[in-house]
N, C-alpha and C. Protein backbone atom coordinates (compact mmCIF):
# COMPACT_ATOMS: atom_id res chain seq x y z
N MET A 1 0.73 -1.14 0.14
CA MET A 1 0.09 -0.13 -0.26
C MET A 1 0.87 1.10 -0.02
N CYS A 2 0.27 2.10 -0.39
CA CYS A 2 1.42 3.56 -0.61
C CYS A 2 0.21 4.77 -0.33
N SER A 3 0.75 5.89 -0.16
CA SER A 3 0.16 7.15 -0.25
C SER A 3 -0.03 7.85 -1.60
N VAL A 4 -0.95 8.80 -1.74
CA VAL A 4 -1.25 9.81 -2.84
C VAL A 4 -1.68 11.05 -2.14
N TYR A 5 -1.41 12.14 -3.24
CA TYR A 5 -2.33 13.33 -2.76
C TYR A 5 -3.47 13.78 -3.55
N ILE A 6 -4.46 14.11 -3.25
CA ILE A 6 -5.59 15.01 -3.54
C ILE A 6 -6.09 16.24 -3.17
N THR A 7 -6.88 16.90 -4.16
CA THR A 7 -7.26 18.12 -3.83
C THR A 7 -8.70 18.16 -3.49
N ILE A 8 -9.17 18.87 -2.56
CA ILE A 8 -10.60 18.96 -2.20
C ILE A 8 -10.86 20.32 -2.65
N ALA A 9 -12.05 20.08 -3.67
CA ALA A 9 -12.69 21.24 -4.43
C ALA A 9 -13.97 21.44 -4.06
N GLY A 10 -14.34 22.59 -4.80
CA GLY A 10 -15.87 23.09 -4.40
C GLY A 10 -16.57 23.30 -3.22
N THR A 11 -15.36 23.72 -2.33
CA THR A 11 -15.77 24.04 -0.79
C THR A 11 -16.53 25.20 -0.84
N ARG A 12 -16.21 25.97 -1.50
CA ARG A 12 -17.50 27.43 -1.65
C ARG A 12 -18.69 26.93 -1.87
N HIS A 13 -19.19 25.87 -2.51
CA HIS A 13 -20.50 25.76 -2.35
C HIS A 13 -21.21 25.30 -1.13
N TYR A 14 -20.21 24.72 0.13
CA TYR A 14 -20.61 24.28 1.40
C TYR A 14 -20.56 25.30 2.42
N PHE A 15 -19.17 25.25 2.91
CA PHE A 15 -18.96 25.93 4.31
C PHE A 15 -17.71 26.61 4.12
N GLY A 16 -17.10 26.53 2.81
CA GLY A 16 -15.91 27.39 2.58
C GLY A 16 -14.68 26.57 2.90
N GLN A 17 -13.83 27.13 2.90
CA GLN A 17 -12.51 26.08 3.32
C GLN A 17 -11.52 27.09 4.55
N GLU A 18 -11.93 28.22 5.03
CA GLU A 18 -11.34 29.03 5.70
C GLU A 18 -10.66 27.91 7.18
N PHE A 19 -11.83 27.18 7.47
CA PHE A 19 -11.55 26.74 8.95
C PHE A 19 -10.90 25.31 8.63
N ILE A 20 -10.55 24.94 7.59
CA ILE A 20 -9.89 23.69 7.28
C ILE A 20 -8.31 23.85 7.66
N GLN A 21 -7.96 22.66 8.57
CA GLN A 21 -6.73 23.04 9.03
C GLN A 21 -5.98 21.71 8.96
N PRO A 22 -4.41 21.96 8.84
CA PRO A 22 -3.56 20.73 8.88
C PRO A 22 -3.93 19.69 9.82
N ASP A 23 -3.57 18.74 9.32
CA ASP A 23 -3.89 17.36 10.22
C ASP A 23 -5.46 17.01 10.35
N MET A 24 -6.18 17.66 10.02
CA MET A 24 -7.52 17.44 10.14
C MET A 24 -7.96 16.06 9.24
N THR A 25 -8.78 15.20 9.60
CA THR A 25 -8.97 14.17 9.22
C THR A 25 -10.34 14.03 8.08
N VAL A 26 -10.62 13.60 6.88
CA VAL A 26 -11.88 14.10 6.32
C VAL A 26 -12.18 12.50 5.71
N ARG A 27 -13.32 12.39 5.49
CA ARG A 27 -13.86 10.94 4.86
C ARG A 27 -13.98 11.27 3.26
N LEU A 28 -13.54 10.13 2.65
CA LEU A 28 -13.88 9.87 1.22
C LEU A 28 -15.08 9.26 0.91
N ILE A 29 -16.25 9.22 0.04
CA ILE A 29 -16.85 8.59 0.02
C ILE A 29 -17.36 8.59 -1.26
N LYS A 30 -17.29 7.48 -1.89
CA LYS A 30 -17.43 7.27 -3.25
C LYS A 30 -19.24 7.53 -3.54
N GLU A 31 -19.49 8.28 -4.92
CA GLU A 31 -20.97 8.47 -5.27
C GLU A 31 -21.04 7.99 -6.54
N PRO A 32 -21.39 6.80 -6.97
CA PRO A 32 -21.22 5.90 -8.18
C PRO A 32 -22.73 6.54 -8.78
N ASP A 33 -23.78 7.23 -8.41
CA ASP A 33 -25.05 7.58 -8.52
C ASP A 33 -25.18 8.86 -8.80
N ASN A 34 -23.72 9.73 -8.82
CA ASN A 34 -23.61 11.21 -9.23
C ASN A 34 -24.08 11.62 -10.24
N GLU A 35 -25.10 12.44 -10.69
CA GLU A 35 -25.49 12.71 -11.99
C GLU A 35 -24.85 13.66 -13.06
N HIS A 36 -23.58 13.95 -12.60
CA HIS A 36 -22.80 14.93 -13.08
C HIS A 36 -21.37 14.27 -13.34
N ASP A 37 -20.92 13.23 -12.49
CA ASP A 37 -19.62 12.73 -12.37
C ASP A 37 -19.72 11.38 -12.08
N ARG A 38 -19.50 10.22 -12.90
CA ARG A 38 -19.81 9.13 -12.15
C ARG A 38 -18.44 8.59 -11.52
N GLU A 39 -17.50 9.09 -11.32
CA GLU A 39 -16.45 8.64 -10.63
C GLU A 39 -16.13 10.03 -9.47
N ALA A 40 -17.37 10.43 -9.22
CA ALA A 40 -17.33 11.73 -7.75
C ALA A 40 -16.87 11.09 -6.55
N ILE A 41 -16.25 11.65 -5.66
CA ILE A 41 -15.84 11.17 -4.51
C ILE A 41 -16.35 12.44 -3.58
N ARG A 42 -17.15 12.36 -2.91
CA ARG A 42 -17.58 13.20 -2.02
C ARG A 42 -16.68 13.38 -0.78
N VAL A 43 -16.67 14.54 -0.18
CA VAL A 43 -15.48 14.73 1.07
C VAL A 43 -16.55 15.13 2.24
N GLU A 44 -16.54 14.20 3.45
CA GLU A 44 -17.17 14.94 4.54
C GLU A 44 -16.26 15.05 5.77
N LEU A 45 -16.60 15.93 6.60
CA LEU A 45 -15.91 16.13 7.72
C LEU A 45 -17.17 15.97 8.81
N ASP A 46 -16.52 15.13 9.82
CA ASP A 46 -17.43 14.87 11.08
C ASP A 46 -18.12 16.11 11.74
N GLY A 47 -19.47 15.95 12.03
CA GLY A 47 -20.11 17.03 12.53
C GLY A 47 -20.59 18.10 11.52
N LEU A 48 -20.14 18.19 10.18
CA LEU A 48 -20.66 18.97 9.19
C LEU A 48 -21.34 18.27 7.96
N GLY A 49 -20.69 17.33 8.01
CA GLY A 49 -21.20 16.46 6.52
C GLY A 49 -20.41 16.96 5.42
N LYS A 50 -20.82 17.30 4.38
CA LYS A 50 -20.32 17.37 2.82
C LYS A 50 -19.71 18.65 2.65
N ILE A 51 -18.34 18.80 2.73
CA ILE A 51 -17.42 19.94 2.49
C ILE A 51 -17.16 20.42 1.11
N GLY A 52 -17.24 19.03 0.01
CA GLY A 52 -16.47 19.33 -1.05
C GLY A 52 -16.38 17.93 -1.92
N TYR A 53 -15.77 17.95 -2.70
CA TYR A 53 -15.33 16.86 -3.65
C TYR A 53 -13.73 16.58 -3.86
N VAL A 54 -13.46 15.50 -4.43
CA VAL A 54 -12.26 15.43 -4.65
C VAL A 54 -11.99 15.67 -6.01
N ALA A 55 -10.95 16.64 -6.54
CA ALA A 55 -11.11 17.48 -7.96
C ALA A 55 -10.90 16.32 -8.92
N ASN A 56 -11.71 16.67 -9.86
CA ASN A 56 -11.67 15.49 -10.88
C ASN A 56 -11.42 16.35 -12.54
N SER A 57 -11.03 17.53 -12.29
CA SER A 57 -10.67 18.43 -13.69
C SER A 57 -9.05 18.85 -13.68
N PRO A 58 -8.72 19.04 -14.44
CA PRO A 58 -7.32 19.48 -14.86
C PRO A 58 -7.24 20.92 -14.48
N TYR A 59 -8.26 21.66 -14.29
CA TYR A 59 -8.42 23.08 -13.75
C TYR A 59 -8.29 23.19 -12.25
N THR A 60 -8.87 22.10 -11.65
CA THR A 60 -9.29 22.10 -9.87
C THR A 60 -7.89 21.06 -9.14
N VAL A 61 -7.38 20.27 -10.01
CA VAL A 61 -6.45 19.25 -9.39
C VAL A 61 -5.22 20.17 -9.06
N LEU A 62 -4.60 20.13 -7.92
CA LEU A 62 -3.35 20.94 -7.47
C LEU A 62 -2.25 20.13 -8.02
N GLY A 63 -1.18 20.75 -8.37
CA GLY A 63 0.32 19.79 -8.48
C GLY A 63 -0.10 18.48 -9.31
N GLU A 64 0.71 17.67 -8.51
CA GLU A 64 0.76 16.46 -8.91
C GLU A 64 -0.27 15.51 -8.21
N SER A 65 -1.16 16.04 -7.55
CA SER A 65 -2.25 15.45 -6.61
C SER A 65 -3.52 14.62 -7.79
N PHE A 66 -4.01 13.43 -7.31
CA PHE A 66 -4.62 12.53 -8.22
C PHE A 66 -5.78 13.10 -8.32
N SER A 67 -6.55 12.91 -9.48
CA SER A 67 -7.76 13.17 -9.47
C SER A 67 -8.80 12.20 -9.37
N ALA A 68 -10.21 12.39 -9.00
CA ALA A 68 -10.98 11.63 -8.49
C ALA A 68 -11.04 10.26 -9.45
N GLY A 69 -10.72 10.69 -10.60
CA GLY A 69 -10.78 9.52 -11.70
C GLY A 69 -9.83 8.51 -11.38
N ARG A 70 -8.58 8.87 -11.15
CA ARG A 70 -7.30 8.05 -10.84
C ARG A 70 -7.43 7.45 -9.60
N LEU A 71 -8.18 8.14 -8.56
CA LEU A 71 -8.29 7.38 -7.14
C LEU A 71 -9.25 6.42 -7.20
N TYR A 72 -10.18 6.87 -7.91
CA TYR A 72 -11.57 5.77 -7.73
C TYR A 72 -11.42 4.48 -7.63
N ASP A 73 -10.58 3.77 -8.28
CA ASP A 73 -10.52 2.37 -8.24
C ASP A 73 -9.40 1.76 -7.41
N ARG A 74 -8.81 2.70 -6.57
CA ARG A 74 -7.92 2.44 -5.41
C ARG A 74 -8.23 2.53 -4.31
N ILE A 75 -9.47 2.75 -3.86
CA ILE A 75 -10.07 3.06 -2.54
C ILE A 75 -11.28 2.08 -2.79
N GLY A 76 -11.55 1.60 -1.27
CA GLY A 76 -13.11 1.00 -1.14
C GLY A 76 -13.96 2.26 -1.34
N ASP A 77 -15.35 1.65 -0.89
CA ASP A 77 -16.36 2.75 -0.65
C ASP A 77 -16.10 4.07 -0.20
N THR A 78 -15.14 3.58 0.91
CA THR A 78 -15.13 4.99 1.58
C THR A 78 -13.31 4.74 2.07
N ALA A 79 -12.84 5.91 2.39
CA ALA A 79 -11.39 6.23 2.70
C ALA A 79 -10.98 7.21 3.53
N GLU A 80 -10.19 7.40 4.30
CA GLU A 80 -9.90 8.66 4.97
C GLU A 80 -8.60 9.34 4.50
N ALA A 81 -8.27 10.78 4.61
CA ALA A 81 -7.23 11.27 3.87
C ALA A 81 -7.10 12.42 5.26
N THR A 82 -5.76 12.95 5.20
CA THR A 82 -5.18 13.90 5.92
C THR A 82 -4.91 15.32 5.31
N VAL A 83 -5.56 16.22 6.00
CA VAL A 83 -5.34 17.99 5.24
C VAL A 83 -3.95 17.89 5.52
N LEU A 84 -3.27 18.38 4.42
CA LEU A 84 -1.69 18.77 4.53
C LEU A 84 -1.43 20.15 4.53
N TYR A 85 -2.37 21.04 3.49
CA TYR A 85 -2.18 22.31 3.07
C TYR A 85 -3.43 23.16 2.89
N ASN A 86 -4.12 24.22 3.36
CA ASN A 86 -5.30 25.03 2.89
C ASN A 86 -4.48 25.95 2.07
N LEU A 87 -4.60 25.79 0.67
CA LEU A 87 -4.46 27.09 -0.34
C LEU A 87 -5.31 27.55 -0.93
N PRO A 88 -5.08 28.98 -1.66
CA PRO A 88 -5.97 29.62 -2.20
C PRO A 88 -7.03 28.58 -3.50
N GLY A 89 -6.02 27.56 -4.14
CA GLY A 89 -6.79 26.95 -5.01
C GLY A 89 -7.36 25.65 -4.65
N GLY A 90 -7.71 25.32 -3.35
CA GLY A 90 -8.04 24.10 -2.90
C GLY A 90 -7.04 23.57 -1.81
N VAL A 91 -7.72 22.35 -1.29
CA VAL A 91 -7.00 22.07 -0.23
C VAL A 91 -6.35 20.52 -0.42
N LEU A 92 -5.02 20.80 0.06
CA LEU A 92 -4.31 19.22 -0.60
C LEU A 92 -4.39 18.73 0.91
N CYS A 93 -4.37 17.11 0.46
CA CYS A 93 -4.61 16.11 1.38
C CYS A 93 -3.88 15.11 1.11
N ARG A 94 -3.45 13.86 2.03
CA ARG A 94 -2.85 12.99 1.58
C ARG A 94 -3.57 11.79 1.96
N VAL A 95 -3.95 10.57 0.98
CA VAL A 95 -4.65 9.37 1.14
C VAL A 95 -3.59 8.28 1.59
N ASP A 96 -3.47 7.67 2.57
CA ASP A 96 -2.61 6.66 2.91
C ASP A 96 -3.21 5.30 2.60
N ASP A 97 -2.39 4.41 2.53
CA ASP A 97 -3.11 2.72 2.22
C ASP A 97 -3.97 2.89 1.12
N ILE A 98 -3.56 3.39 -0.19
CA ILE A 98 -4.51 2.90 -1.33
C ILE A 98 -4.30 1.76 -2.14
N LEU A 99 -4.96 1.09 -2.74
CA LEU A 99 -4.72 -0.05 -3.07
C LEU A 99 -3.60 0.13 -4.63
N PRO A 100 -2.72 -0.74 -4.71
CA PRO A 100 -1.82 -0.58 -5.86
C PRO A 100 -2.47 -0.98 -7.13
N LEU A 101 -2.11 -0.33 -8.33
CA LEU A 101 -2.86 -1.13 -9.79
C LEU A 101 -2.31 -2.32 -9.85
N PRO A 102 -3.24 -3.00 -10.57
CA PRO A 102 -2.97 -4.65 -10.57
C PRO A 102 -1.69 -4.27 -12.05
N LEU A 103 -0.91 -5.30 -11.79
CA LEU A 103 0.21 -5.44 -12.94
C LEU A 103 -0.41 -6.09 -14.00
N PRO A 104 -0.30 -5.31 -15.24
CA PRO A 104 -0.73 -6.14 -16.49
C PRO A 104 -0.17 -7.61 -16.83
N VAL A 105 -0.88 -8.06 -17.27
CA VAL A 105 -0.63 -9.96 -17.36
C VAL A 105 -0.18 -9.47 -19.08
N ILE A 106 1.08 -10.22 -18.74
CA ILE A 106 1.87 -10.43 -20.44
C ILE A 106 1.92 -11.68 -20.77
N GLU A 107 1.43 -12.20 -21.91
CA GLU A 107 1.27 -13.70 -22.25
C GLU A 107 2.28 -13.79 -23.06
N GLU A 108 3.25 -14.83 -22.82
CA GLU A 108 4.29 -15.01 -23.86
C GLU A 108 4.00 -15.94 -25.07
N GLU A 109 4.77 -15.48 -26.13
CA GLU A 109 4.47 -15.88 -27.12
C GLU A 109 5.04 -17.51 -27.26
N GLU A 110 4.51 -18.50 -27.87
CA GLU A 110 4.90 -19.94 -27.82
C GLU A 110 6.02 -20.01 -28.84
N SER A 111 7.14 -20.56 -28.23
CA SER A 111 8.32 -20.80 -29.60
C SER A 111 8.01 -22.05 -30.12
N GLU A 112 8.42 -22.15 -31.36
CA GLU A 112 8.02 -23.17 -32.51
C GLU A 112 9.52 -24.15 -32.24
């Protein structure tokens, strides 16, 4: 298992991001029935509920963080992330213990 980085986007539609501090733990919850994005991952904070979504656009993903689409198949239905930085363009978090991508199966050619 390894760690990756994600960006929380869309916080302005809920509670804003001013209150989000480093070392907070947020919960990531897949939303397969989301009408706008079938790879949507909702971000929740205890006591508040939904505070945003994992960024899934080249315009909202900060730096080398994973988009929701890249992360979607590497977590279960839920996961946790730790806030690292609260930046003007979004909140950068670390997701630990993600599932590794399966190695491709390479079939060997039969020799004659």
